[in-house]
N, C-alpha and C. Protein backbone atom coordinates (compact mmCIF):
# COMPACT_ATOMS: atom_id res chain seq x y z
N MET A 1 100.69 124.42 104.73
CA MET A 1 101.73 123.57 105.11
C MET A 1 101.38 123.03 106.36
N ILE A 2 101.59 121.74 106.39
CA ILE A 2 101.44 121.12 107.96
C ILE A 2 102.73 120.61 108.29
N VAL A 3 103.14 120.72 109.47
CA VAL A 3 104.46 120.11 110.01
C VAL A 3 103.88 119.31 111.27
N PHE A 4 104.47 117.94 111.18
CA PHE A 4 104.18 116.98 112.41
C PHE A 4 105.43 116.20 112.80
N ILE A 5 105.97 116.50 113.69
CA ILE A 5 107.33 115.91 114.11
C ILE A 5 108.35 116.06 113.08
N ASN A 6 108.59 114.96 112.28
CA ASN A 6 109.53 115.32 111.22
C ASN A 6 109.00 115.06 109.82
N ASP A 7 107.70 115.31 109.62
CA ASP A 7 106.98 115.37 108.53
C ASP A 7 106.44 116.74 108.02
N ILE A 8 106.80 117.05 106.68
CA ILE A 8 106.43 118.41 106.17
C ILE A 8 105.39 118.04 105.18
N LEU A 9 104.23 118.51 105.27
CA LEU A 9 103.15 118.37 104.10
C LEU A 9 102.83 119.65 103.51
N ILE A 10 103.12 119.78 102.22
CA ILE A 10 102.80 120.95 101.55
C ILE A 10 101.70 120.98 100.58
N TYR A 11 100.65 121.56 100.80
CA TYR A 11 99.37 121.48 99.85
C TYR A 11 98.93 122.73 99.45
N SER A 12 98.44 122.62 98.19
CA SER A 12 98.09 123.94 97.43
C SER A 12 96.85 123.77 96.86
N LYS A 13 96.20 124.85 96.27
CA LYS A 13 94.96 124.87 95.37
C LYS A 13 95.07 124.47 94.02
N ASP A 14 96.35 124.67 93.52
CA ASP A 14 96.67 124.41 92.10
C ASP A 14 98.10 124.14 91.93
N GLU A 15 98.54 123.69 90.53
CA GLU A 15 99.82 123.40 90.37
C GLU A 15 100.87 124.61 90.48
N LYS A 16 100.46 125.75 90.05
CA LYS A 16 101.18 126.98 90.12
C LYS A 16 101.50 127.47 91.55
N GLU A 17 100.37 127.37 92.46
CA GLU A 17 100.70 127.79 93.80
C GLU A 17 101.41 126.79 94.48
N HIS A 18 101.30 125.51 94.05
CA HIS A 18 102.11 124.53 94.63
C HIS A 18 103.57 124.63 94.26
N GLU A 19 103.95 125.10 93.30
CA GLU A 19 105.11 125.23 92.86
C GLU A 19 105.89 126.45 93.63
N GLU A 20 105.20 127.40 93.79
CA GLU A 20 105.42 128.60 94.56
C GLU A 20 105.81 128.20 96.07
N HIS A 21 104.78 127.46 96.74
CA HIS A 21 105.05 126.65 97.90
C HIS A 21 106.21 126.08 98.09
N LEU A 22 106.34 125.07 97.24
CA LEU A 22 107.48 124.00 97.31
C LEU A 22 108.79 124.98 97.14
N LYS A 23 109.02 125.66 96.17
CA LYS A 23 109.98 126.51 96.12
C LYS A 23 110.48 127.22 97.49
N ALA A 24 109.37 127.85 98.01
CA ALA A 24 109.70 128.65 99.34
C ALA A 24 110.12 127.84 100.32
N ILE A 25 109.41 126.74 100.46
CA ILE A 25 109.90 125.75 101.65
C ILE A 25 111.16 125.16 101.47
N LEU A 26 111.59 124.82 100.27
CA LEU A 26 112.95 124.10 100.00
C LEU A 26 113.96 125.17 100.28
N GLU A 27 113.62 126.36 99.93
CA GLU A 27 114.75 127.34 100.08
C GLU A 27 114.92 127.77 101.57
N LEU A 28 113.85 127.75 102.41
CA LEU A 28 113.82 127.94 103.80
C LEU A 28 114.42 126.86 104.37
N LEU A 29 114.28 125.37 104.21
CA LEU A 29 115.19 124.49 104.56
C LEU A 29 116.54 124.59 104.28
N LYS A 30 116.90 124.90 103.12
CA LYS A 30 118.24 125.11 102.74
C LYS A 30 118.78 126.09 103.60
N LYS A 31 118.10 127.36 103.69
CA LYS A 31 118.74 128.33 104.67
C LYS A 31 119.22 128.01 105.96
N GLU A 32 118.14 127.22 106.45
CA GLU A 32 118.19 126.93 107.98
C GLU A 32 119.12 125.62 108.11
N GLU A 33 119.65 125.20 106.92
CA GLU A 33 120.54 123.94 107.01
C GLU A 33 119.75 122.60 107.62
N LEU A 34 118.55 122.58 106.96
CA LEU A 34 117.75 121.33 107.41
C LEU A 34 117.62 120.55 106.11
N TYR A 35 117.54 119.31 106.14
CA TYR A 35 117.76 118.50 105.10
C TYR A 35 116.49 117.41 104.86
N ALA A 36 116.11 117.12 103.91
CA ALA A 36 114.89 116.17 103.48
C ALA A 36 115.64 114.87 102.82
N LYS A 37 115.27 113.81 103.22
CA LYS A 37 115.79 112.48 102.58
C LYS A 37 115.05 112.38 101.39
N PHE A 38 115.61 112.60 100.10
CA PHE A 38 115.00 112.58 98.88
C PHE A 38 114.18 111.16 98.62
N SER A 39 114.69 110.19 99.25
CA SER A 39 113.93 108.65 98.91
C SER A 39 112.57 108.75 99.64
N LYS A 40 112.30 109.61 100.68
CA LYS A 40 111.28 109.70 101.49
C LYS A 40 110.12 110.62 101.06
N CYS A 41 110.68 111.46 99.98
CA CYS A 41 109.77 112.68 99.45
C CYS A 41 108.78 112.22 98.33
N LYS A 42 107.69 112.77 98.36
CA LYS A 42 106.93 112.44 97.36
C LYS A 42 106.36 113.85 96.81
N PHE A 43 106.48 113.97 95.54
CA PHE A 43 106.04 115.34 94.95
C PHE A 43 104.93 115.23 93.87
N TRP A 44 104.22 116.19 93.87
CA TRP A 44 103.18 116.40 92.87
C TRP A 44 101.85 115.48 93.13
N ILE A 45 101.58 114.87 94.17
CA ILE A 45 100.55 113.69 94.25
C ILE A 45 99.30 114.57 94.56
N PRO A 46 98.17 114.14 93.80
CA PRO A 46 96.78 114.86 93.96
C PRO A 46 96.12 114.66 95.34
N LYS A 47 96.49 113.75 96.04
CA LYS A 47 95.69 113.46 97.32
C LYS A 47 96.44 112.75 98.19
N VAL A 48 96.64 112.93 99.68
CA VAL A 48 97.30 112.28 100.49
C VAL A 48 96.53 111.98 101.84
N GLN A 49 96.62 110.84 102.42
CA GLN A 49 96.08 110.66 103.74
C GLN A 49 96.93 110.96 104.74
N PHE A 50 96.88 111.86 105.80
CA PHE A 50 97.82 112.30 106.83
C PHE A 50 97.06 112.24 108.13
N LEU A 51 97.42 111.64 109.17
CA LEU A 51 97.06 111.77 110.60
C LEU A 51 95.49 111.79 110.57
N GLY A 52 94.92 110.74 109.81
CA GLY A 52 93.40 110.53 109.80
C GLY A 52 92.56 111.77 108.96
N HIS A 53 93.39 112.29 108.24
CA HIS A 53 92.59 113.27 107.10
C HIS A 53 92.98 113.02 105.77
N VAL A 54 92.23 113.48 104.94
CA VAL A 54 92.63 113.34 103.42
C VAL A 54 92.66 114.81 103.01
N ILE A 55 93.90 115.03 102.32
CA ILE A 55 94.28 116.41 101.83
C ILE A 55 94.33 116.33 100.45
N ASN A 56 93.44 117.25 99.68
CA ASN A 56 93.58 117.45 98.20
C ASN A 56 93.28 118.74 97.92
N SER A 57 93.09 118.91 96.46
CA SER A 57 93.07 120.36 96.16
C SER A 57 91.70 121.25 96.77
N GLN A 58 90.75 120.34 97.29
CA GLN A 58 89.54 121.04 97.66
C GLN A 58 89.84 121.30 99.08
N GLY A 59 90.94 120.90 99.86
CA GLY A 59 91.13 121.30 101.20
C GLY A 59 91.49 120.02 102.10
N ILE A 60 91.18 120.07 103.49
CA ILE A 60 91.49 119.12 104.36
C ILE A 60 90.19 118.70 104.80
N HIS A 61 90.12 117.31 104.81
CA HIS A 61 88.86 116.49 105.19
C HIS A 61 89.03 115.52 106.09
N VAL A 62 88.10 115.10 106.96
CA VAL A 62 88.43 113.76 107.89
C VAL A 62 88.28 112.65 106.96
N ASP A 63 89.19 111.62 107.19
CA ASP A 63 89.21 110.41 106.32
C ASP A 63 87.87 109.81 106.43
N PRO A 64 87.21 109.50 105.36
CA PRO A 64 85.77 108.85 105.25
C PRO A 64 85.79 107.49 105.96
N THR A 65 86.98 106.84 106.03
CA THR A 65 86.91 105.65 106.73
C THR A 65 86.65 105.64 108.30
N LYS A 66 87.24 106.86 108.76
CA LYS A 66 87.19 106.97 110.15
C LYS A 66 85.64 107.47 110.50
N ILE A 67 84.96 108.29 109.59
CA ILE A 67 83.66 108.55 109.75
C ILE A 67 82.75 107.37 109.83
N ASP A 68 82.94 106.38 108.88
CA ASP A 68 82.30 105.22 108.82
C ASP A 68 82.46 104.29 110.09
N SER A 69 83.63 104.36 110.61
CA SER A 69 83.97 103.40 111.67
C SER A 69 83.12 104.07 112.85
N VAL A 70 82.93 105.41 112.92
CA VAL A 70 82.23 105.81 114.26
C VAL A 70 80.64 105.60 113.87
N LYS A 71 80.22 105.85 112.55
CA LYS A 71 78.73 105.63 112.28
C LYS A 71 78.28 104.13 112.70
N ASP A 72 79.28 103.18 112.77
CA ASP A 72 78.97 101.77 112.93
C ASP A 72 79.04 101.37 114.22
N TRP A 73 79.35 102.52 115.26
CA TRP A 73 79.46 102.01 116.45
C TRP A 73 78.01 101.64 117.14
N ALA A 74 78.00 100.62 118.00
CA ALA A 74 76.49 100.38 118.47
C ALA A 74 75.96 101.46 119.47
N SER A 75 74.88 101.64 119.34
CA SER A 75 74.20 102.61 120.45
C SER A 75 74.16 102.10 121.65
N PRO A 76 74.38 102.92 122.88
CA PRO A 76 74.47 102.41 124.08
C PRO A 76 73.05 102.08 124.67
N LYS A 77 72.96 100.93 125.35
CA LYS A 77 71.69 100.42 125.69
C LYS A 77 71.05 101.30 126.84
N SER A 78 71.76 101.95 127.73
CA SER A 78 71.38 102.64 128.86
C SER A 78 72.36 104.13 128.92
N PRO A 79 71.82 104.85 129.73
CA PRO A 79 72.44 106.22 129.76
C PRO A 79 73.92 106.20 130.55
N THR A 80 74.00 105.02 131.11
CA THR A 80 75.35 104.84 131.79
C THR A 80 76.42 104.13 131.01
N LYS A 81 76.05 103.53 129.80
CA LYS A 81 76.92 102.58 128.97
C LYS A 81 77.27 103.34 127.64
């Protein structure tokens, strides 16, 4: 699980584990009287881009588009540039 400001991202290796994680987090939110706006929730999505990373069943990875943009930077012409 990743929490960033008012975003909660729950990710898991498989559907069974995800169901357990989702249930535990929703129960905790209810217990603490915290609420999620259902219209902003997305459930059971296989891949998500979040804060410059891609999260899927294989784990968390840097977004490939971010890597490509760094690879395309021009090389400095001198040590001070």
